[in-house]
Amino acid sequence: MAVLPPRDDWAEGMNFTIPNLLSIIRLLAAPCVAMSFVLLERPLADQIAILIFVGAALTDYLDGWLARILRQESAFGRMLDPIADKAMVMIALTMIITLYDLDWPVVVPTVLIILREVLISGLREFLGDVKLEVTRMAKWKTTLQMLAICLLLLQGAAAPDAAAGPMNPIVAKVLAGAAVGVGAVGLLLLWIAAWFTIVTGWDYFRKGLPYIREKEGAVTTVAAEAED
């Protein structure tokens, strides 16, 4: 039976700085986006979900900025930050697929994004100590993903609430038109984000390919020596 290290060792290894605490908050906020739709009726659920998502997305930029300003960059933070980002994006996209009734214009880019994130996470795990640096295009990819999700959630949040009672017809039409427009822009950004996702995914794979071949060669050499 494995023996866990003392709790003091856990705290020391996790390095609970302000930037890292923001990343933890972002990670914990990810399932709250989905739970909003479980516990609340729409459009209130949409409104709460987008507030949570926007707040969590802002911490993605705030934690990095604080880490540099306060000189609190750490290995724990570098590990946690992309995990929190992926949790936010993948959980939110899963909910959006459901909210948009599995429409193919939403499903296709979402599946491409999720597939890429899983593949690159697996590649990083396989490479182990080999670090693939995050590129500027990859940062733009994350920004576009989060912006697209915000707009797609905002479409539901901005839609007129029939349960709220009678509404001026002009106001209702303006809100409905604004909601459709916001959703259309969000969908366009989602496809652009999917393109960035594929391009950056291929770039990471291309950079990791020499290391994969190196590991494959080492395995082949060991197998040949074992046969001899």
C-alpha atoms as a PDB file:
ATOM      1  CA  MET A   1       0.000   0.000   0.000  1.00  0.00           C
ATOM      2  CA  ALA A   2       1.392   3.403  -1.001  1.00  0.00           C
ATOM      3  CA  VAL A   3       2.275   5.789   1.784  1.00  0.00           C
ATOM      4  CA  LEU A   4       1.215   9.385   1.194  1.00  0.00           C
ATOM      5  CA  PRO A   5       3.713  12.146   2.027  1.00  0.00           C
ATOM      6  CA  PRO A   6       3.016  14.406   5.017  1.00  0.00           C
ATOM      7  CA  ARG A   7       0.555  17.219   4.369  1.00  0.00           C
ATOM      8  CA  ASP A   8       3.303  19.808   4.828  1.00  0.00           C
ATOM      9  CA  ASP A   9       5.082  18.287   1.804  1.00  0.00           C
ATOM     10  CA  TRP A  10       1.913  18.620  -0.257  1.00  0.00           C
ATOM     11  CA  ALA A  11       1.569  22.298   0.571  1.00  0.00           C
ATOM     12  CA  GLU A  12       5.231  22.941  -0.184  1.00  0.00           C
ATOM     13  CA  GLY A  13       5.044  21.159  -3.524  1.00  0.00           C
ATOM     14  CA  MET A  14       1.835  22.911  -4.571  1.00  0.00           C
ATOM     15  CA  ASN A  15       3.241  26.388  -3.871  1.00  0.00           C
ATOM     16  CA  PHE A  16       0.050  28.296  -3.014  1.00  0.00           C
ATOM     17  CA  THR A  17       0.942  31.731  -4.375  1.00  0.00           C
ATOM     18  CA  ILE A  18      -1.667  34.274  -5.465  1.00  0.00           C
ATOM     19  CA  PRO A  19      -1.306  33.384  -9.194  1.00  0.00           C
ATOM     20  CA  ASN A  20      -1.616  29.677  -8.415  1.00  0.00           C
ATOM     21  CA  LEU A  21      -4.698  30.279  -6.255  1.00  0.00           C
ATOM     22  CA  LEU A  22      -6.288  32.084  -9.211  1.00  0.00           C
ATOM     23  CA  SER A  23      -5.572  29.047 -11.409  1.00  0.00           C
ATOM     24  CA  ILE A  24      -7.156  26.795  -8.782  1.00  0.00           C
ATOM     25  CA  ILE A  25     -10.228  29.048  -8.682  1.00  0.00           C
ATOM     26  CA  ARG A  26     -10.446  28.832 -12.487  1.00  0.00           C
ATOM     27  CA  LEU A  27     -10.222  25.048 -12.328  1.00  0.00           C
ATOM     28  CA  LEU A  28     -12.982  24.862  -9.696  1.00  0.00           C
ATOM     29  CA  ALA A  29     -15.143  27.284 -11.691  1.00  0.00           C
ATOM     30  CA  ALA A  30     -15.152  25.004 -14.757  1.00  0.00           C
ATOM     31  CA  PRO A  31     -17.782  22.523 -13.471  1.00  0.00           C
ATOM     32  CA  CYS A  32     -19.832  25.414 -12.058  1.00  0.00           C
ATOM     33  CA  VAL A  33     -20.600  26.503 -15.628  1.00  0.00           C
ATOM     34  CA  ALA A  34     -22.283  23.154 -16.272  1.00  0.00           C
ATOM     35  CA  MET A  35     -23.966  23.052 -12.858  1.00  0.00           C
ATOM     36  CA  SER A  36     -25.641  26.393 -13.592  1.00  0.00           C
ATOM     37  CA  PHE A  37     -27.815  24.640 -16.180  1.00  0.00           C
ATOM     38  CA  VAL A  38     -28.491  21.727 -13.844  1.00  0.00           C
ATOM     39  CA  LEU A  39     -29.659  23.861 -10.921  1.00  0.00           C
ATOM     40  CA  LEU A  40     -31.252  26.881 -12.641  1.00  0.00           C
ATOM     41  CA  GLU A  41     -33.815  27.590 -15.341  1.00  0.00           C
ATOM     42  CA  ARG A  42     -32.884  29.359 -18.546  1.00  0.00           C
ATOM     43  CA  PRO A  43     -32.136  32.173 -19.274  1.00  0.00           C
ATOM     44  CA  LEU A  44     -30.996  32.706 -15.658  1.00  0.00           C
ATOM     45  CA  ALA A  45     -28.712  29.685 -16.039  1.00  0.00           C
ATOM     46  CA  ASP A  46     -27.131  31.265 -19.140  1.00  0.00           C
ATOM     47  CA  GLN A  47     -26.609  34.540 -17.292  1.00  0.00           C
ATOM     48  CA  ILE A  48     -24.960  32.887 -14.279  1.00  0.00           C
ATOM     49  CA  ALA A  49     -22.868  30.621 -16.527  1.00  0.00           C
ATOM     50  CA  ILE A  50     -21.477  33.508 -18.566  1.00  0.00           C
ATOM     51  CA  LEU A  51     -20.651  35.481 -15.407  1.00  0.00           C
ATOM     52  CA  ILE A  52     -18.725  32.495 -14.059  1.00  0.00           C
ATOM     53  CA  PHE A  53     -16.991  31.866 -17.378  1.00  0.00           C
ATOM     54  CA  VAL A  54     -15.981  35.499 -17.956  1.00  0.00           C
ATOM     55  CA  GLY A  55     -14.695  35.807 -14.393  1.00  0.00           C
ATOM     56  CA  ALA A  56     -12.699  32.600 -14.754  1.00  0.00           C
ATOM     57  CA  ALA A  57     -11.369  33.632 -18.187  1.00  0.00           C
ATOM     58  CA  LEU A  58     -10.095  36.922 -16.739  1.00  0.00           C
ATOM     59  CA  THR A  59      -8.090  35.019 -14.131  1.00  0.00           C
ATOM     60  CA  ASP A  60      -6.284  33.266 -17.007  1.00  0.00           C
ATOM     61  CA  TYR A  61      -4.618  36.551 -17.921  1.00  0.00           C
ATOM     62  CA  LEU A  62      -4.439  37.929 -14.405  1.00  0.00           C
ATOM     63  CA  ASP A  63      -2.548  34.959 -12.935  1.00  0.00           C
ATOM     64  CA  GLY A  64       0.209  35.117 -15.561  1.00  0.00           C
ATOM     65  CA  TRP A  65       0.561  38.872 -15.161  1.00  0.00           C
ATOM     66  CA  LEU A  66       0.739  38.613 -11.367  1.00  0.00           C
ATOM     67  CA  ALA A  67       3.223  35.761 -11.560  1.00  0.00           C
ATOM     68  CA  ARG A  68       5.584  37.946 -13.582  1.00  0.00           C
ATOM     69  CA  ILE A  69       5.029  41.128 -11.558  1.00  0.00           C
ATOM     70  CA  LEU A  70       5.323  39.409  -8.168  1.00  0.00           C
ATOM     71  CA  ARG A  71       8.058  37.053  -9.397  1.00  0.00           C
ATOM     72  CA  GLN A  72       5.978  34.076  -8.289  1.00  0.00           C
ATOM     73  CA  GLU A  73       6.355  31.868 -11.363  1.00  0.00           C
ATOM     74  CA  SER A  74       6.508  28.212 -10.356  1.00  0.00           C
ATOM     75  CA  ALA A  75       6.514  24.688 -11.780  1.00  0.00           C
ATOM     76  CA  PHE A  76       3.166  24.029 -10.092  1.00  0.00           C
ATOM     77  CA  GLY A  77       1.669  27.069 -11.810  1.00  0.00           C
ATOM     78  CA  ARG A  78       3.036  26.065 -15.224  1.00  0.00           C
ATOM     79  CA  MET A  79       1.465  22.633 -14.739  1.00  0.00           C
ATOM     80  CA  LEU A  80      -1.873  23.885 -13.404  1.00  0.00           C
ATOM     81  CA  ASP A  81      -2.517  26.780 -15.797  1.00  0.00           C
ATOM     82  CA  PRO A  82      -3.064  24.748 -19.013  1.00  0.00           C
ATOM     83  CA  ILE A  83      -5.097  22.143 -17.107  1.00  0.00           C
ATOM     84  CA  ALA A  84      -7.455  24.849 -15.817  1.00  0.00           C
ATOM     85  CA  ASP A  85      -7.727  26.345 -19.325  1.00  0.00           C
ATOM     86  CA  LYS A  86      -8.587  23.009 -20.905  1.00  0.00           C
ATOM     87  CA  ALA A  87     -11.133  22.194 -18.191  1.00  0.00           C
ATOM     88  CA  MET A  88     -12.866  25.544 -18.712  1.00  0.00           C
ATOM     89  CA  VAL A  89     -12.965  25.236 -22.500  1.00  0.00           C
ATOM     90  CA  MET A  90     -13.912  21.562 -22.766  1.00  0.00           C
ATOM     91  CA  ILE A  91     -16.673  21.651 -20.132  1.00  0.00           C
ATOM     92  CA  ALA A  92     -18.151  24.845 -21.572  1.00  0.00           C
ATOM     93  CA  LEU A  93     -18.049  23.490 -25.128  1.00  0.00           C
ATOM     94  CA  THR A  94     -19.735  20.283 -24.016  1.00  0.00           C
ATOM     95  CA  MET A  95     -22.569  22.341 -22.539  1.00  0.00           C
ATOM     96  CA  ILE A  96     -22.824  24.519 -25.654  1.00  0.00           C
ATOM     97  CA  ILE A  97     -23.246  21.429 -27.865  1.00  0.00           C
ATOM     98  CA  THR A  98     -26.231  20.463 -25.712  1.00  0.00           C
ATOM     99  CA  LEU A  99     -27.689  23.983 -25.603  1.00  0.00           C
ATOM    100  CA  TYR A 100     -27.550  24.236 -29.390  1.00  0.00           C
ATOM    101  CA  ASP A 101     -29.361  20.919 -29.871  1.00  0.00           C
ATOM    102  CA  LEU A 102     -26.397  19.136 -31.468  1.00  0.00           C
ATOM    103  CA  ASP A 103     -26.458  21.377 -34.554  1.00  0.00           C
ATOM    104  CA  TRP A 104     -23.583  20.367 -36.840  1.00  0.00           C
ATOM    105  CA  PRO A 105     -22.170  23.927 -37.214  1.00  0.00           C
ATOM    106  CA  VAL A 106     -21.520  23.827 -33.457  1.00  0.00           C
ATOM    107  CA  VAL A 107     -20.671  20.138 -33.114  1.00  0.00           C
ATOM    108  CA  VAL A 108     -17.985  19.964 -35.839  1.00  0.00           C
ATOM    109  CA  PRO A 109     -15.636  22.729 -34.572  1.00  0.00           C
ATOM    110  CA  THR A 110     -16.240  21.635 -30.980  1.00  0.00           C
ATOM    111  CA  VAL A 111     -15.243  18.042 -31.726  1.00  0.00           C
ATOM    112  CA  LEU A 112     -12.119  19.237 -33.564  1.00  0.00           C
ATOM    113  CA  ILE A 113     -11.123  21.404 -30.604  1.00  0.00           C
ATOM    114  CA  ILE A 114     -11.693  18.670 -28.018  1.00  0.00           C
ATOM    115  CA  LEU A 115      -9.900  16.053 -30.156  1.00  0.00           C
ATOM    116  CA  ARG A 116      -6.852  18.296 -30.548  1.00  0.00           C
ATOM    117  CA  GLU A 117      -6.695  19.074 -26.831  1.00  0.00           C
ATOM    118  CA  VAL A 118      -6.799  15.372 -25.956  1.00  0.00           C
ATOM    119  CA  LEU A 119      -4.160  14.449 -28.554  1.00  0.00           C
ATOM    120  CA  ILE A 120      -1.734  17.198 -27.528  1.00  0.00           C
ATOM    121  CA  SER A 121      -2.202  16.386 -23.842  1.00  0.00           C
ATOM    122  CA  GLY A 122      -1.331  12.784 -24.660  1.00  0.00           C
ATOM    123  CA  LEU A 123       1.687  13.914 -26.677  1.00  0.00           C
ATOM    124  CA  ARG A 124       2.985  16.032 -23.791  1.00  0.00           C
ATOM    125  CA  GLU A 125       2.537  13.122 -21.395  1.00  0.00           C
ATOM    126  CA  PHE A 126       4.382  10.765 -23.759  1.00  0.00           C
ATOM    127  CA  LEU A 127       7.278  13.168 -24.214  1.00  0.00           C
ATOM    128  CA  GLY A 128       7.669  13.487 -20.447  1.00  0.00           C
ATOM    129  CA  ASP A 129      10.600  15.782 -19.658  1.00  0.00           C
ATOM    130  CA  VAL A 130      10.643  17.235 -23.176  1.00  0.00           C
ATOM    131  CA  LYS A 131       8.922  20.611 -23.001  1.00  0.00           C
ATOM    132  CA  LEU A 132       6.993  21.981 -25.955  1.00  0.00           C
ATOM    133  CA  GLU A 133       6.918  25.746 -25.534  1.00  0.00           C
ATOM    134  CA  VAL A 134       3.540  27.471 -25.852  1.00  0.00           C
ATOM    135  CA  THR A 135       3.543  29.542 -29.059  1.00  0.00           C
ATOM    136  CA  ARG A 136       1.942  32.926 -29.642  1.00  0.00           C
ATOM    137  CA  MET A 137      -0.547  31.315 -32.023  1.00  0.00           C
ATOM    138  CA  ALA A 138      -1.523  28.824 -29.305  1.00  0.00           C
ATOM    139  CA  LYS A 139      -2.257  31.741 -26.966  1.00  0.00           C
ATOM    140  CA  TRP A 140      -4.412  33.324 -29.656  1.00  0.00           C
ATOM    141  CA  LYS A 141      -6.158  29.983 -30.026  1.00  0.00           C
ATOM    142  CA  THR A 142      -7.098  29.946 -26.346  1.00  0.00           C
ATOM    143  CA  THR A 143      -8.263  33.574 -26.516  1.00  0.00           C
ATOM    144  CA  LEU A 144     -10.480  32.864 -29.540  1.00  0.00           C
ATOM    145  CA  GLN A 145     -11.938  29.764 -27.901  1.00  0.00           C
ATOM    146  CA  MET A 146     -12.881  31.652 -24.743  1.00  0.00           C
ATOM    147  CA  LEU A 147     -14.274  34.625 -26.674  1.00  0.00           C
ATOM    148  CA  ALA A 148     -16.394  32.325 -28.859  1.00  0.00           C
ATOM    149  CA  ILE A 149     -17.734  30.523 -25.793  1.00  0.00           C
ATOM    150  CA  CYS A 150     -18.583  33.837 -24.116  1.00  0.00           C
ATOM    151  CA  LEU A 151     -20.599  34.993 -27.133  1.00  0.00           C
ATOM    152  CA  LEU A 152     -22.400  31.664 -27.552  1.00  0.00           C
ATOM    153  CA  LEU A 153     -23.373  31.704 -23.876  1.00  0.00           C
ATOM    154  CA  LEU A 154     -24.367  35.360 -24.188  1.00  0.00           C
ATOM    155  CA  GLN A 155     -26.856  34.484 -26.926  1.00  0.00           C
ATOM    156  CA  GLY A 156     -28.904  32.489 -24.435  1.00  0.00           C
ATOM    157  CA  ALA A 157     -28.411  35.089 -21.699  1.00  0.00           C
ATOM    158  CA  ALA A 158     -29.608  37.939 -23.945  1.00  0.00           C
ATOM    159  CA  ALA A 159     -32.686  36.136 -25.257  1.00  0.00           C
ATOM    160  CA  PRO A 160     -36.043  37.516 -24.013  1.00  0.00           C
ATOM    161  CA  ASP A 161     -37.356  35.679 -20.954  1.00  0.00           C
ATOM    162  CA  ALA A 162     -40.966  34.658 -21.576  1.00  0.00           C
ATOM    163  CA  ALA A 163     -41.392  33.719 -17.917  1.00  0.00           C
ATOM    164  CA  ALA A 164     -40.565  37.288 -16.828  1.00  0.00           C
ATOM    165  CA  GLY A 165     -43.938  38.533 -18.028  1.00  0.00           C
ATOM    166  CA  PRO A 166     -45.126  40.834 -20.819  1.00  0.00           C
ATOM    167  CA  MET A 167     -42.451  42.802 -22.656  1.00  0.00           C
ATOM    168  CA  ASN A 168     -42.635  45.697 -25.077  1.00  0.00           C
ATOM    169  CA  PRO A 169     -42.738  44.109 -28.570  1.00  0.00           C
ATOM    170  CA  ILE A 170     -40.036  46.435 -29.887  1.00  0.00           C
ATOM    171  CA  VAL A 171     -37.737  45.662 -26.975  1.00  0.00           C
ATOM    172  CA  ALA A 172     -38.397  41.950 -27.423  1.00  0.00           C
ATOM    173  CA  LYS A 173     -37.500  42.107 -31.120  1.00  0.00           C
ATOM    174  CA  VAL A 174     -34.332  44.095 -30.402  1.00  0.00           C
ATOM    175  CA  LEU A 175     -33.230  41.580 -27.763  1.00  0.00           C
ATOM    176  CA  ALA A 176     -34.044  38.622 -30.010  1.00  0.00           C
ATOM    177  CA  GLY A 177     -32.157  40.181 -32.932  1.00  0.00           C
ATOM    178  CA  ALA A 178     -29.182  41.028 -30.736  1.00  0.00           C
ATOM    179  CA  ALA A 179     -29.113  37.483 -29.377  1.00  0.00           C
ATOM    180  CA  VAL A 180     -29.077  36.024 -32.903  1.00  0.00           C
ATOM    181  CA  GLY A 181     -26.324  38.414 -33.983  1.00  0.00           C
ATOM    182  CA  VAL A 182     -24.182  37.636 -30.959  1.00  0.00           C
ATOM    183  CA  GLY A 183     -24.643  33.906 -31.548  1.00  0.00           C
ATOM    184  CA  ALA A 184     -23.655  34.250 -35.226  1.00  0.00           C
ATOM    185  CA  VAL A 185     -20.435  36.081 -34.328  1.00  0.00           C
ATOM    186  CA  GLY A 186     -19.719  33.509 -31.629  1.00  0.00           C
ATOM    187  CA  LEU A 187     -20.187  30.663 -34.103  1.00  0.00           C
ATOM    188  CA  LEU A 188     -17.857  32.340 -36.609  1.00  0.00           C
ATOM    189  CA  LEU A 189     -15.199  32.756 -33.912  1.00  0.00           C
ATOM    190  CA  LEU A 190     -15.653  29.123 -32.903  1.00  0.00           C
ATOM    191  CA  TRP A 191     -14.787  27.987 -36.446  1.00  0.00           C
ATOM    192  CA  ILE A 192     -11.796  30.342 -36.543  1.00  0.00           C
ATOM    193  CA  ALA A 193     -10.696  28.986 -33.167  1.00  0.00           C
ATOM    194  CA  ALA A 194     -11.033  25.436 -34.512  1.00  0.00           C
ATOM    195  CA  TRP A 195      -8.743  26.347 -37.414  1.00  0.00           C
ATOM    196  CA  PHE A 196      -6.167  27.815 -35.013  1.00  0.00           C
ATOM    197  CA  THR A 197      -6.569  24.684 -32.897  1.00  0.00           C
ATOM    198  CA  ILE A 198      -5.751  22.369 -35.806  1.00  0.00           C
ATOM    199  CA  VAL A 199      -2.797  24.470 -36.988  1.00  0.00           C
ATOM    200  CA  THR A 200      -1.232  24.726 -33.520  1.00  0.00           C
ATOM    201  CA  GLY A 201      -1.905  21.041 -32.890  1.00  0.00           C
ATOM    202  CA  TRP A 202      -0.021  20.095 -36.047  1.00  0.00           C
ATOM    203  CA  ASP A 203       2.791  22.466 -35.066  1.00  0.00           C
ATOM    204  CA  TYR A 204       3.161  20.766 -31.663  1.00  0.00           C
ATOM    205  CA  PHE A 205       3.072  17.321 -33.289  1.00  0.00           C
ATOM    206  CA  ARG A 206       5.719  18.353 -35.829  1.00  0.00           C
ATOM    207  CA  LYS A 207       7.990  19.613 -33.057  1.00  0.00           C
ATOM    208  CA  GLY A 208       7.434  16.475 -31.010  1.00  0.00           C
ATOM    209  CA  LEU A 209       7.961  14.048 -33.915  1.00  0.00           C
ATOM    210  CA  PRO A 210      11.813  13.949 -33.664  1.00  0.00           C
ATOM    211  CA  TYR A 211      11.533  13.025 -29.981  1.00  0.00           C
ATOM    212  CA  ILE A 212       8.962  10.340 -30.801  1.00  0.00           C
ATOM    213  CA  ARG A 213      11.334   8.871 -33.405  1.00  0.00           C
ATOM    214  CA  GLU A 214      14.186   9.050 -30.902  1.00  0.00           C
ATOM    215  CA  LYS A 215      12.161   7.144 -28.315  1.00  0.00           C
ATOM    216  CA  GLU A 216      11.062   4.641 -30.976  1.00  0.00           C
ATOM    217  CA  GLY A 217      14.681   4.109 -31.972  1.00  0.00           C
ATOM    218  CA  ALA A 218      15.666   3.522 -28.365  1.00  0.00           C
ATOM    219  CA  VAL A 219      12.901   0.937 -27.979  1.00  0.00           C
ATOM    220  CA  THR A 220      14.001  -0.824 -31.182  1.00  0.00           C
ATOM    221  CA  THR A 221      17.620  -0.883 -30.012  1.00  0.00           C
ATOM    222  CA  VAL A 222      16.684  -2.364 -26.658  1.00  0.00           C
ATOM    223  CA  ALA A 223      14.533  -5.017 -28.351  1.00  0.00           C
ATOM    224  CA  ALA A 224      17.396  -5.938 -30.726  1.00  0.00           C
ATOM    225  CA  GLU A 225      19.850  -6.216 -27.842  1.00  0.00           C
ATOM    226  CA  ALA A 226      17.410  -8.409 -25.961  1.00  0.00           C
ATOM    227  CA  GLU A 227      17.163 -10.767 -28.958  1.00  0.00           C
ATOM    228  CA  ASP A 228      20.971 -11.016 -29.158  1.00  0.00           C
END
